[in-house]
């Protein structure tokens, strides 16, 4: 019986794995707004350090 359905079972497992992979990536995605704020804070802190070091 397994011989008859092995392709369908394999495709089902593959589809479930792909859906699970996409869902994990969507759940763990960092928002663009948070990423931009973190980048701006990092650049601001680096500029402040440069000003302190130059004076």
N, C-alpha and C. Protein backbone atom coordinates (compact mmCIF):
# COMPACT_ATOMS: atom_id res chain seq x y z
N UNK A 1 0.83 -1.20 0.00
CA UNK A 1 0.00 0.00 0.00
C UNK A 1 0.88 1.26 0.00
N UNK A 2 1.96 1.24 0.75
CA UNK A 2 2.86 2.38 0.79
C UNK A 2 3.47 2.63 -0.58
N UNK A 3 3.70 1.55 -1.33
CA UNK A 3 4.26 1.67 -2.67
C UNK A 3 3.37 2.52 -3.58
N UNK A 4 2.09 2.39 -3.40
CA UNK A 4 1.14 3.06 -4.26
C UNK A 4 1.07 4.56 -3.98
N UNK A 5 1.26 4.97 -2.74
CA UNK A 5 1.05 6.36 -2.34
C UNK A 5 2.33 7.10 -1.96
N UNK A 6 3.50 6.57 -2.23
CA UNK A 6 4.74 7.18 -1.74
C UNK A 6 4.98 8.56 -2.33
N UNK A 7 4.59 8.80 -3.58
CA UNK A 7 4.77 10.12 -4.19
C UNK A 7 3.88 11.16 -3.52
N UNK A 8 2.63 10.79 -3.26
CA UNK A 8 1.70 11.72 -2.62
C UNK A 8 2.14 12.03 -1.19
N UNK A 9 2.61 11.02 -0.48
CA UNK A 9 3.08 11.23 0.89
C UNK A 9 4.31 12.13 0.89
N UNK A 10 5.22 11.90 -0.04
CA UNK A 10 6.42 12.73 -0.15
C UNK A 10 6.09 14.19 -0.46
N UNK A 11 5.17 14.39 -1.38
CA UNK A 11 4.76 15.76 -1.72
C UNK A 11 4.07 16.44 -0.55
N UNK A 12 3.26 15.72 0.19
CA UNK A 12 2.59 16.27 1.36
C UNK A 12 3.61 16.70 2.41
N UNK A 13 4.60 15.86 2.66
CA UNK A 13 5.66 16.20 3.62
C UNK A 13 6.44 17.43 3.14
N UNK A 14 6.73 17.49 1.86
CA UNK A 14 7.46 18.63 1.29
C UNK A 14 6.67 19.92 1.43
N UNK A 15 5.38 19.88 1.13
CA UNK A 15 4.53 21.07 1.24
C UNK A 15 4.43 21.53 2.68
N UNK A 16 4.27 20.59 3.61
CA UNK A 16 4.19 20.96 5.03
C UNK A 16 5.50 21.59 5.49
N UNK A 17 6.63 21.04 5.05
CA UNK A 17 7.94 21.60 5.43
C UNK A 17 8.11 23.01 4.88
N UNK A 18 7.69 23.25 3.65
CA UNK A 18 7.80 24.58 3.05
C UNK A 18 6.92 25.59 3.77
N UNK A 19 5.69 25.20 4.08
CA UNK A 19 4.78 26.10 4.80
C UNK A 19 5.34 26.42 6.18
N UNK A 20 5.87 25.42 6.87
CA UNK A 20 6.45 25.62 8.18
C UNK A 20 7.64 26.58 8.11
N UNK A 21 8.48 26.42 7.10
CA UNK A 21 9.64 27.29 6.91
C UNK A 21 9.22 28.73 6.68
N UNK A 22 8.24 28.95 5.81
CA UNK A 22 7.76 30.31 5.52
C UNK A 22 7.14 30.93 6.77
N UNK A 23 6.35 30.17 7.50
CA UNK A 23 5.70 30.71 8.71
C UNK A 23 6.74 31.09 9.76
N UNK A 24 7.78 30.29 9.92
CA UNK A 24 8.83 30.63 10.89
C UNK A 24 9.54 31.92 10.49
N UNK A 25 9.79 32.11 9.22
CA UNK A 25 10.45 33.32 8.75
C UNK A 25 9.56 34.54 8.96
N UNK A 26 8.26 34.40 8.75
CA UNK A 26 7.35 35.53 8.94
C UNK A 26 7.20 35.89 10.40
N UNK A 27 7.18 34.89 11.27
CA UNK A 27 7.01 35.15 12.70
C UNK A 27 8.25 35.82 13.28
N UNK A 28 9.42 35.41 12.84
CA UNK A 28 10.67 35.92 13.42
C UNK A 28 11.19 37.16 12.70
N UNK A 29 10.45 37.69 11.75
CA UNK A 29 10.90 38.84 10.97
C UNK A 29 10.92 40.10 11.83
N UNK A 30 12.01 40.85 11.77
CA UNK A 30 12.13 42.11 12.49
C UNK A 30 11.49 43.19 11.62
N UNK A 31 10.70 44.04 12.25
CA UNK A 31 10.01 45.07 11.47
C UNK A 31 11.02 46.09 10.94
N UNK A 32 10.69 46.67 9.81
CA UNK A 32 11.56 47.65 9.17
C UNK A 32 11.73 48.88 10.05
N UNK A 33 10.64 49.28 10.72
CA UNK A 33 10.69 50.46 11.59
C UNK A 33 11.70 50.24 12.72
N UNK A 34 11.66 49.08 13.36
CA UNK A 34 12.59 48.79 14.46
C UNK A 34 14.03 48.74 13.94
N UNK A 35 14.22 48.13 12.78
CA UNK A 35 15.56 48.05 12.20
C UNK A 35 16.12 49.44 11.90
N UNK A 36 15.29 50.34 11.37
CA UNK A 36 15.74 51.70 11.06
C UNK A 36 16.05 52.48 12.33
N UNK A 37 15.23 52.31 13.37
CA UNK A 37 15.49 53.01 14.64
C UNK A 37 16.80 52.53 15.26
N UNK A 38 17.03 51.22 15.24
CA UNK A 38 18.28 50.69 15.79
C UNK A 38 19.49 51.20 15.02
N UNK A 39 19.37 51.27 13.70
CA UNK A 39 20.47 51.78 12.87
C UNK A 39 20.74 53.26 13.16
N UNK A 40 19.68 54.04 13.29
CA UNK A 40 19.84 55.47 13.57
C UNK A 40 20.49 55.68 14.94
N UNK A 41 20.09 54.89 15.93
CA UNK A 41 20.69 55.02 17.26
C UNK A 41 22.16 54.64 17.23
N UNK A 42 22.51 53.62 16.48
CA UNK A 42 23.90 53.19 16.37
C UNK A 42 24.74 54.29 15.72
N UNK A 43 24.25 54.85 14.62
CA UNK A 43 24.99 55.92 13.92
C UNK A 43 25.14 57.14 14.83
N UNK A 44 24.08 57.50 15.55
CA UNK A 44 24.13 58.64 16.46
C UNK A 44 25.17 58.41 17.56
N UNK A 45 25.20 57.20 18.12
CA UNK A 45 26.17 56.92 19.19
C UNK A 45 27.60 56.94 18.64
N UNK A 46 27.79 56.45 17.39
CA UNK A 46 29.13 56.47 16.80
C UNK A 46 29.59 57.91 16.54
N UNK A 47 28.68 58.77 16.11
CA UNK A 47 29.04 60.17 15.88
C UNK A 47 29.38 60.86 17.19
N UNK A 48 28.64 60.56 18.25
CA UNK A 48 28.95 61.14 19.54
C UNK A 48 30.31 60.71 20.06
N UNK A 49 30.66 59.45 19.86
CA UNK A 49 31.97 58.95 20.28
C UNK A 49 33.07 59.63 19.50
N UNK A 50 32.85 59.85 18.19
CA UNK A 50 33.85 60.51 17.36
C UNK A 50 34.06 61.96 17.82
N UNK A 51 32.97 62.65 18.17
CA UNK A 51 33.07 64.04 18.63
C UNK A 51 33.83 64.08 19.94
N UNK A 52 33.54 63.17 20.85
CA UNK A 52 34.23 63.14 22.14
C UNK A 52 35.71 62.85 21.98
N UNK A 53 36.05 61.95 21.04
CA UNK A 53 37.44 61.58 20.83
C UNK A 53 38.24 62.70 20.16
N UNK A 54 37.59 63.50 19.34
CA UNK A 54 38.28 64.57 18.62
C UNK A 54 38.51 65.81 19.48
N UNK A 55 37.72 65.96 20.55
CA UNK A 55 37.89 67.16 21.38
C UNK A 55 38.79 66.92 22.55
